[in-house]
Amino acid sequence: MREWPDRRSTERRTDEEEYVTQRRTGIARLAAGSAVLTLALAACSGGTGSSAAPSAAAPSTAASVAPSTAASAAASTAPSAAASTAAVAATCKGAGDKGTVKMMINQWVGAAANVAVVQCLLTQMGYDVKTDTLAEEVAWQGLENGQVDVILENWGHPDLEKTYITDKKVAQNAGPNGIKGLIHWYLPPWMVAKYPDITDWNNLNKYADLFKTSESGDKGQFLASDPTFVQEDRAIIKNLGLNFKVVDSGSEGASIAAFQQAEAQKTPLIGYFYDPQWLLAEIPLVPVKLPPYTDACYGDYAKDRDKIACDYPEYTLNKVVATKFAETGGAAYTLVKNFQWTNADQNEVAASITHDNLTPEAAAKKWLDAHQAAWQAWMPAS
């Protein structure tokens, strides 16, 4: 399978304060009673407190095909032989005496949702979980130097995989996390209702004047995202002969605000966005139909990136762990390896964090309380 670089940055975001604000504390959930806590701790297996992950083939990306909704849901809820049969509630509380697990948080809220859910379960299993928000390349370095045990959402870094998994063998692929990463150009629904043919890229130049701004001059504005995300929009616009100019929003949060405003105020907007992302449940943004992705279109990515003239590939996201954690992490590693959920699951928790103002822990517990069969299938055998 062909693998492509991710859309995320290998540099640290400068708008970290804005992102932290999105995760600010909301309504706290009441902790479970001591009897339930005792039962939960008894049901959880021990581990060594170091790091963990299995050796596996590199994740497939562009050539992957998204599973059906039914199949995706089944992957999130199907019980496994290792699952505990007891109906144990999630507590997110524990003694923290089984060792430390160090998890990185990617710089977008969906990845924070992954970490919140797994952190809750590891904590009630008795682990002391440390988290840190890191740029992706820095996180991969952390797998080697001991700063990071677990990355729960990797958008495909063939160069880093070669360095740290294949060559240095200090990291391992821990399998898919169940998420299908989709990147597209999007329009607000009101524009599609008013201009039905605008979703065909062949017609974009006809509407370019609608998108003009002070920043785009005599061209239509195309709103990109965080400038450190890997984006192919400049090449696509140039190679398809579109009369648009790329303008960076600066961050995920700024792009979300721009799409919300465009739909609410009926102002023209076209821009880069992705799924999973909770906003798509609030506003059904409509993708533009670009020429479909092919391997030939992307060619030799390192050499031919400026020649891209088609849509983005689909990404199958995976987990990466430090080899030391894979070998010594015990039950903690088993939980990480077993963790898989769907785009809809992640969006649900992310929306609770950013839209409902819950803390990550409260958002995780809300989801865990509503999906016991799903997470109990991830738990190591008692």
Protein backbone atom coordinates (compact mmCIF):
# COMPACT_ATOMS: atom_id res chain seq x y z
CA MET A 1 0.00 0.00 0.00
CA ARG A 2 1.19 3.50 -0.77
CA GLU A 3 1.58 5.80 2.22
CA TRP A 4 1.50 9.56 2.21
CA PRO A 5 2.67 12.25 4.60
CA ASP A 6 0.10 13.48 7.08
CA ARG A 7 -1.81 16.76 6.95
CA ARG A 8 -0.49 17.67 10.37
CA SER A 9 2.56 19.67 11.25
CA THR A 10 5.93 18.52 12.41
CA GLU A 11 6.32 21.89 14.07
CA ARG A 12 4.70 23.05 17.28
CA ARG A 13 1.51 25.07 16.93
CA THR A 14 1.77 28.71 18.02
CA ASP A 15 -1.92 28.98 18.87
CA GLU A 16 -1.74 26.45 21.70
CA GLU A 17 -3.49 28.84 24.09
CA GLU A 18 -6.53 28.99 21.82
CA TYR A 19 -6.70 25.20 21.68
CA VAL A 20 -6.38 24.86 25.43
CA THR A 21 -9.28 27.31 25.75
CA GLN A 22 -11.38 24.99 23.58
CA ARG A 23 -10.72 22.26 26.14
CA ARG A 24 -11.48 24.44 29.18
CA THR A 25 -13.29 23.02 32.11
CA GLY A 26 -17.03 22.58 31.89
CA ILE A 27 -19.49 20.59 33.93
CA ALA A 28 -17.72 18.04 36.11
CA ARG A 29 -19.13 14.56 36.34
CA LEU A 30 -19.68 12.95 39.76
CA ALA A 31 -17.20 10.20 40.51
CA ALA A 32 -18.51 6.68 40.93
CA GLY A 33 -19.04 5.40 44.47
CA SER A 34 -16.29 3.65 46.34
CA ALA A 35 -17.90 0.26 45.88
CA VAL A 36 -17.84 0.61 42.10
CA LEU A 37 -14.26 1.90 42.24
CA THR A 38 -13.20 -1.14 44.23
CA LEU A 39 -14.89 -3.45 41.72
CA ALA A 40 -13.27 -1.62 38.78
CA LEU A 41 -9.81 -1.83 40.27
CA ALA A 42 -10.26 -5.49 41.06
CA ALA A 43 -11.35 -6.18 37.49
CA CYS A 44 -8.33 -4.47 35.95
CA SER A 45 -5.15 -6.44 35.44
CA GLY A 46 -1.74 -5.32 36.45
CA GLY A 47 1.22 -4.25 34.35
CA THR A 48 4.72 -3.07 34.71
CA GLY A 49 4.35 0.64 34.13
CA SER A 50 6.85 1.02 31.32
CA SER A 51 6.03 1.14 27.60
CA ALA A 52 4.37 -1.25 24.96
CA ALA A 53 3.27 -2.09 21.27
CA PRO A 54 3.23 -4.98 18.73
CA SER A 55 5.25 -5.27 15.62
CA ALA A 56 3.12 -4.93 12.51
CA ALA A 57 3.16 -3.88 8.90
CA ALA A 58 3.15 -0.19 8.05
CA PRO A 59 -0.39 1.26 7.97
CA SER A 60 -2.20 1.50 4.67
CA THR A 61 -3.38 4.95 3.65
CA ALA A 62 -4.32 6.10 0.18
CA ALA A 63 -5.29 2.67 -1.11
CA SER A 64 -7.55 1.92 1.84
CA VAL A 65 -11.29 1.93 1.34
CA ALA A 66 -13.52 3.14 4.17
CA PRO A 67 -15.65 0.38 5.67
CA SER A 68 -19.40 0.59 5.71
CA THR A 69 -21.08 2.25 8.63
CA ALA A 70 -22.25 -1.11 9.89
CA ALA A 71 -18.78 -2.62 9.66
CA SER A 72 -17.22 0.41 11.32
CA ALA A 73 -19.70 0.28 14.15
CA ALA A 74 -19.08 -3.43 14.58
CA ALA A 75 -15.35 -2.82 14.98
CA SER A 76 -16.15 -0.42 17.81
CA THR A 77 -18.59 -2.66 19.64
CA ALA A 78 -17.78 -6.31 18.90
CA PRO A 79 -16.73 -8.14 22.09
CA SER A 80 -13.36 -9.85 22.20
CA ALA A 81 -12.21 -12.92 24.05
CA ALA A 82 -10.04 -10.69 26.23
CA ALA A 83 -12.93 -8.49 27.31
CA SER A 84 -14.10 -8.64 30.87
CA THR A 85 -17.56 -10.14 31.21
CA ALA A 86 -18.44 -8.06 34.24
CA ALA A 87 -20.48 -4.90 33.67
CA VAL A 88 -17.97 -2.56 35.26
CA ALA A 89 -18.57 1.18 35.07
CA ALA A 90 -15.81 3.53 33.94
CA THR A 91 -14.50 5.54 36.88
CA CYS A 92 -11.43 7.35 35.53
CA LYS A 93 -10.01 6.94 39.05
CA GLY A 94 -7.21 4.72 40.26
CA ALA A 95 -4.29 4.34 42.65
CA GLY A 96 -1.60 5.10 40.07
CA ASP A 97 0.67 2.46 41.58
CA LYS A 98 1.20 0.21 38.55
CA GLY A 99 3.64 2.45 36.75
CA THR A 100 3.61 5.44 34.40
CA VAL A 101 2.34 5.64 30.83
CA LYS A 102 3.37 8.69 28.80
CA MET A 103 0.94 9.67 26.04
CA MET A 104 1.25 12.47 23.50
CA ILE A 105 -1.70 14.63 22.48
CA ASN A 106 -1.77 15.78 18.86
CA GLN A 107 -2.62 19.41 18.25
CA TRP A 108 -6.24 18.88 17.21
CA VAL A 109 -9.25 18.11 19.36
CA GLY A 110 -10.10 14.73 17.81
CA ALA A 111 -6.76 13.35 18.94
CA ALA A 112 -7.37 14.80 22.41
CA ALA A 113 -10.61 12.76 22.47
CA ASN A 114 -8.61 9.55 21.80
CA VAL A 115 -6.27 10.28 24.68
CA ALA A 116 -9.04 11.26 27.11
CA VAL A 117 -10.82 7.92 26.69
CA VAL A 118 -7.71 5.73 26.90
CA GLN A 119 -6.31 7.79 29.78
CA CYS A 120 -9.52 7.27 31.76
CA LEU A 121 -9.29 3.49 31.39
CA LEU A 122 -5.55 3.29 32.09
CA THR A 123 -6.06 5.40 35.20
CA GLN A 124 -8.75 3.11 36.59
CA MET A 125 -6.50 0.15 35.82
CA GLY A 126 -4.02 1.68 38.28
CA TYR A 127 -1.60 3.50 35.97
CA ASP A 128 -0.28 7.02 36.41
CA VAL A 129 -0.87 8.61 32.98
CA LYS A 130 1.22 11.58 31.91
CA THR A 131 0.20 13.57 28.81
CA ASP A 132 1.95 16.21 26.75
CA THR A 133 0.85 18.18 23.69
CA LEU A 134 3.60 17.77 21.10
CA ALA A 135 4.23 18.37 17.43
CA GLU A 136 4.29 15.05 15.61
CA GLU A 137 7.98 14.88 14.71
CA VAL A 138 8.89 15.78 18.28
CA ALA A 139 6.60 12.98 19.51
CA TRP A 140 8.37 10.43 17.29
CA GLN A 141 11.69 11.58 18.74
CA GLY A 142 10.13 11.05 22.15
CA LEU A 143 9.54 7.39 21.34
CA GLU A 144 13.31 7.03 21.17
CA ASN A 145 14.36 9.21 24.10
CA GLY A 146 11.73 8.00 26.56
CA GLN A 147 9.54 11.10 26.56
CA VAL A 148 6.66 9.28 24.83
CA ASP A 149 5.26 5.75 25.16
CA VAL A 150 2.12 6.06 23.03
CA ILE A 151 0.87 7.95 19.96
CA LEU A 152 -2.82 7.11 19.42
CA GLU A 153 -3.34 8.90 16.10
CA ASN A 154 -0.71 8.77 13.38
CA TRP A 155 -1.60 10.27 9.99
CA GLY A 156 1.07 8.34 8.13
CA HIS A 157 4.70 9.45 8.26
CA PRO A 158 6.62 7.08 5.95
CA ASP A 159 9.86 8.94 6.58
CA LEU A 160 9.53 8.76 10.37
CA GLU A 161 8.30 5.17 10.24
CA LYS A 162 11.42 4.22 8.30
CA THR A 163 13.70 6.00 10.76
CA TYR A 164 12.17 4.91 14.06
CA ILE A 165 10.39 1.62 13.24
CA THR A 166 12.39 0.04 10.41
CA ASP A 167 15.92 1.38 10.94
CA LYS A 168 16.28 2.18 14.65
CA LYS A 169 13.59 -0.26 15.82
CA VAL A 170 12.76 1.98 18.79
CA ALA A 171 9.06 2.19 17.84
CA GLN A 172 6.38 -0.24 16.68
CA ASN A 173 3.07 -0.10 14.83
CA ALA A 174 0.32 -0.92 17.33
CA GLY A 175 -2.36 -1.38 14.69
CA PRO A 176 -5.21 0.77 13.38
CA ASN A 177 -7.20 2.98 15.73
CA GLY A 178 -10.34 2.54 13.61
CA ILE A 179 -10.39 6.10 12.28
CA LYS A 180 -10.57 6.89 8.56
CA GLY A 181 -8.95 10.26 7.86
CA LEU A 182 -10.61 12.25 5.07
CA ILE A 183 -9.44 15.60 3.71
CA HIS A 184 -11.45 17.61 1.18
CA TRP A 185 -12.28 21.08 -0.04
CA TYR A 186 -15.58 22.10 1.55
CA LEU A 187 -18.40 24.60 0.97
CA PRO A 188 -21.10 25.78 3.41
CA PRO A 189 -24.49 24.17 2.71
CA TRP A 190 -26.21 27.45 1.82
CA MET A 191 -23.90 27.96 -1.16
CA VAL A 192 -24.64 24.51 -2.57
CA ALA A 193 -28.37 25.12 -2.22
CA LYS A 194 -28.08 28.43 -4.10
CA TYR A 195 -25.47 27.32 -6.67
CA PRO A 196 -25.98 23.56 -7.18
CA ASP A 197 -23.21 23.14 -9.75
CA ILE A 198 -20.56 24.79 -7.57
CA THR A 199 -19.48 21.42 -6.14
CA ASP A 200 -17.93 20.47 -9.49
CA TRP A 201 -14.38 21.82 -9.65
CA ASN A 202 -14.86 22.55 -13.35
CA ASN A 203 -17.30 25.30 -12.39
CA LEU A 204 -15.27 26.97 -9.65
CA ASN A 205 -13.78 29.67 -11.87
CA LYS A 206 -17.31 30.75 -12.80
CA TYR A 207 -17.89 31.60 -9.14
CA ALA A 208 -14.40 32.82 -8.22
CA ASP A 209 -15.49 36.46 -7.89
CA LEU A 210 -17.86 35.51 -5.07
CA PHE A 211 -14.89 34.49 -2.95
CA LYS A 212 -12.74 37.60 -3.39
CA THR A 213 -11.41 39.19 -0.19
CA SER A 214 -8.96 41.94 0.66
CA GLU A 215 -6.34 39.22 1.17
CA SER A 216 -6.94 37.42 -2.11
CA GLY A 217 -7.02 40.50 -4.35
CA ASP A 218 -8.39 39.85 -7.83
CA LYS A 219 -8.66 36.09 -7.18
CA GLY A 220 -11.11 34.07 -5.16
CA GLN A 221 -9.94 33.22 -1.66
CA PHE A 222 -9.32 29.58 -0.77
CA LEU A 223 -9.11 29.20 3.02
CA ALA A 224 -6.38 26.82 4.06
CA SER A 225 -5.83 25.87 7.72
CA ASP A 226 -2.84 25.88 10.05
CA PRO A 227 0.08 26.66 7.70
CA THR A 228 2.12 23.90 9.31
CA PHE A 229 -0.36 21.21 8.25
CA VAL A 230 0.73 19.38 5.12
CA GLN A 231 -1.63 20.72 2.45
CA GLU A 232 -1.57 20.33 -1.32
CA ASP A 233 -3.99 23.16 -2.13
CA ARG A 234 -1.54 25.52 -3.82
CA ALA A 235 -0.44 22.82 -6.24
CA ILE A 236 -4.01 21.69 -6.90
CA ILE A 237 -5.18 25.24 -7.62
CA LYS A 238 -2.24 25.93 -9.92
CA ASN A 239 -2.39 22.64 -11.82
CA LEU A 240 -6.16 22.76 -12.33
CA GLY A 241 -5.92 26.35 -13.55
CA LEU A 242 -8.23 27.75 -10.86
CA ASN A 243 -8.47 31.51 -10.28
CA PHE A 244 -7.99 31.27 -6.51
CA LYS A 245 -5.38 32.30 -3.97
CA VAL A 246 -4.62 30.30 -0.83
CA VAL A 247 -4.99 32.23 2.43
CA ASP A 248 -4.14 30.46 5.70
CA SER A 249 -6.66 30.62 8.55
CA GLY A 250 -3.88 30.03 11.08
CA SER A 251 -5.41 27.20 13.09
CA GLU A 252 -8.10 24.53 13.33
CA GLY A 253 -10.12 26.81 15.60
CA ALA A 254 -9.98 29.70 13.14
CA SER A 255 -11.15 27.47 10.29
CA ILE A 256 -14.05 26.20 12.39
CA ALA A 257 -15.08 29.76 13.24
CA ALA A 258 -14.88 30.77 9.56
CA PHE A 259 -17.18 27.95 8.41
CA GLN A 260 -19.63 28.65 11.23
CA GLN A 261 -19.77 32.32 10.29
CA ALA A 262 -20.09 31.58 6.57
CA GLU A 263 -23.13 29.37 7.14
CA ALA A 264 -24.76 31.65 9.72
CA GLN A 265 -24.25 34.87 7.76
CA LYS A 266 -24.58 33.37 4.27
CA THR A 267 -21.14 34.59 3.19
CA PRO A 268 -19.14 32.73 0.49
CA LEU A 269 -16.36 30.42 1.67
CA ILE A 270 -14.39 27.54 0.21
CA GLY A 271 -11.66 25.85 2.19
CA TYR A 272 -9.67 22.89 3.44
CA PHE A 273 -11.24 20.73 6.15
CA TYR A 274 -11.26 17.13 7.33
CA ASP A 275 -13.09 14.28 9.01
CA PRO A 276 -13.20 13.22 11.79
CA GLN A 277 -14.15 16.65 13.12
CA TRP A 278 -17.13 17.44 15.35
CA LEU A 279 -18.13 20.50 13.26
CA LEU A 280 -19.39 18.22 10.49
CA ALA A 281 -22.15 17.02 12.81
CA GLU A 282 -23.19 20.62 13.45
CA ILE A 283 -22.86 21.92 9.88
CA PRO A 284 -23.06 19.39 7.01
CA LEU A 285 -20.29 20.95 4.93
CA VAL A 286 -20.37 19.81 1.31
CA PRO A 287 -17.17 18.55 -0.37
CA VAL A 288 -16.06 19.79 -3.79
CA LYS A 289 -15.68 17.05 -6.38
CA LEU A 290 -12.05 17.34 -7.43
CA PRO A 291 -10.46 14.86 -9.86
CA PRO A 292 -10.31 11.64 -7.81
CA TYR A 293 -7.11 10.59 -6.11
CA THR A 294 -4.87 8.09 -7.89
CA ASP A 295 -1.37 6.85 -7.16
CA ALA A 296 -0.29 8.22 -10.54
CA CYS A 297 -1.55 11.69 -9.61
CA TYR A 298 0.70 11.81 -6.56
CA GLY A 299 3.56 10.03 -8.34
CA ASP A 300 6.81 10.06 -6.42
CA TYR A 301 5.55 12.33 -3.67
CA ALA A 302 8.92 13.74 -2.68
CA LYS A 303 9.70 14.69 -6.29
CA ASP A 304 6.25 15.30 -7.76
CA ARG A 305 4.38 17.10 -4.99
CA ASP A 306 4.19 20.33 -6.98
CA LYS A 307 2.45 18.43 -9.80
CA ILE A 308 -0.54 17.20 -7.77
CA ALA A 309 -3.85 17.92 -9.51
CA CYS A 310 -6.37 15.66 -7.74
CA ASP A 311 -8.15 15.12 -4.44
CA TYR A 312 -6.46 13.96 -1.24
CA PRO A 313 -6.04 10.25 -0.50
CA GLU A 314 -7.95 8.55 2.28
CA TYR A 315 -5.89 7.77 5.37
CA THR A 316 -6.14 4.71 7.61
CA LEU A 317 -4.93 6.04 10.95
CA ASN A 318 -2.87 3.89 13.29
CA LYS A 319 -1.24 3.82 16.71
CA VAL A 320 2.51 3.89 17.31
CA VAL A 321 4.26 2.94 20.55
CA ALA A 322 7.79 2.81 21.87
CA THR A 323 9.35 -0.64 21.52
CA LYS A 324 10.22 -0.59 25.22
CA PHE A 325 6.54 -0.01 26.04
CA ALA A 326 5.53 -2.86 23.72
CA GLU A 327 7.90 -5.21 25.49
CA THR A 328 7.32 -4.16 29.12
CA GLY A 329 3.97 -2.35 29.22
CA GLY A 330 1.91 -5.40 30.11
CA ALA A 331 -1.80 -4.70 30.50
CA ALA A 332 -1.36 -1.04 29.56
CA TYR A 333 0.06 -2.04 26.21
CA THR A 334 -2.71 -4.57 25.69
CA LEU A 335 -5.34 -1.86 26.19
CA VAL A 336 -3.60 0.47 23.73
CA LYS A 337 -3.26 -2.32 21.17
CA ASN A 338 -6.96 -3.21 21.53
CA PHE A 339 -8.22 0.39 21.33
CA GLN A 340 -10.27 0.99 18.18
CA TRP A 341 -13.30 3.18 17.60
CA THR A 342 -15.04 5.03 14.77
CA ASN A 343 -15.07 8.53 13.32
CA ALA A 344 -18.49 9.02 14.89
CA ASP A 345 -17.19 7.93 18.30
CA GLN A 346 -14.32 10.38 18.17
CA ASN A 347 -16.54 13.22 16.96
CA GLU A 348 -18.94 12.58 19.83
CA VAL A 349 -16.24 13.03 22.47
CA ALA A 350 -14.60 15.94 20.64
CA ALA A 351 -17.95 17.76 20.47
CA SER A 352 -18.42 17.27 24.21
CA ILE A 353 -15.02 18.89 24.82
CA THR A 354 -15.28 21.86 22.47
CA HIS A 355 -19.00 22.39 21.92
CA ASP A 356 -20.42 21.33 25.31
CA ASN A 357 -17.48 22.66 27.33
CA LEU A 358 -16.86 19.43 29.23
CA THR A 359 -13.41 18.62 30.52
CA PRO A 360 -11.68 15.87 28.54
CA GLU A 361 -12.17 13.48 31.48
CA ALA A 362 -15.89 14.29 31.76
CA ALA A 363 -16.34 13.95 28.00
CA ALA A 364 -14.56 10.59 28.03
CA LYS A 365 -16.64 9.29 30.94
CA LYS A 366 -19.86 10.41 29.24
CA TRP A 367 -18.94 8.36 26.16
CA LEU A 368 -17.71 5.38 28.17
CA ASP A 369 -20.93 5.29 30.21
CA ALA A 370 -22.93 5.15 26.96
CA HIS A 371 -20.74 2.54 25.20
CA GLN A 372 -19.80 -0.07 27.79
CA ALA A 373 -19.72 -2.97 25.35
CA ALA A 374 -17.23 -1.11 23.14
CA TRP A 375 -14.62 -0.28 25.76
CA GLN A 376 -14.94 -3.50 27.73
CA ALA A 377 -13.85 -5.29 24.55
CA TRP A 378 -10.53 -3.37 24.77
CA MET A 379 -9.80 -4.33 28.38
CA PRO A 380 -7.11 -6.95 29.13
CA ALA A 381 -8.34 -10.25 30.53
CA SER A 382 -8.50 -10.18 34.32
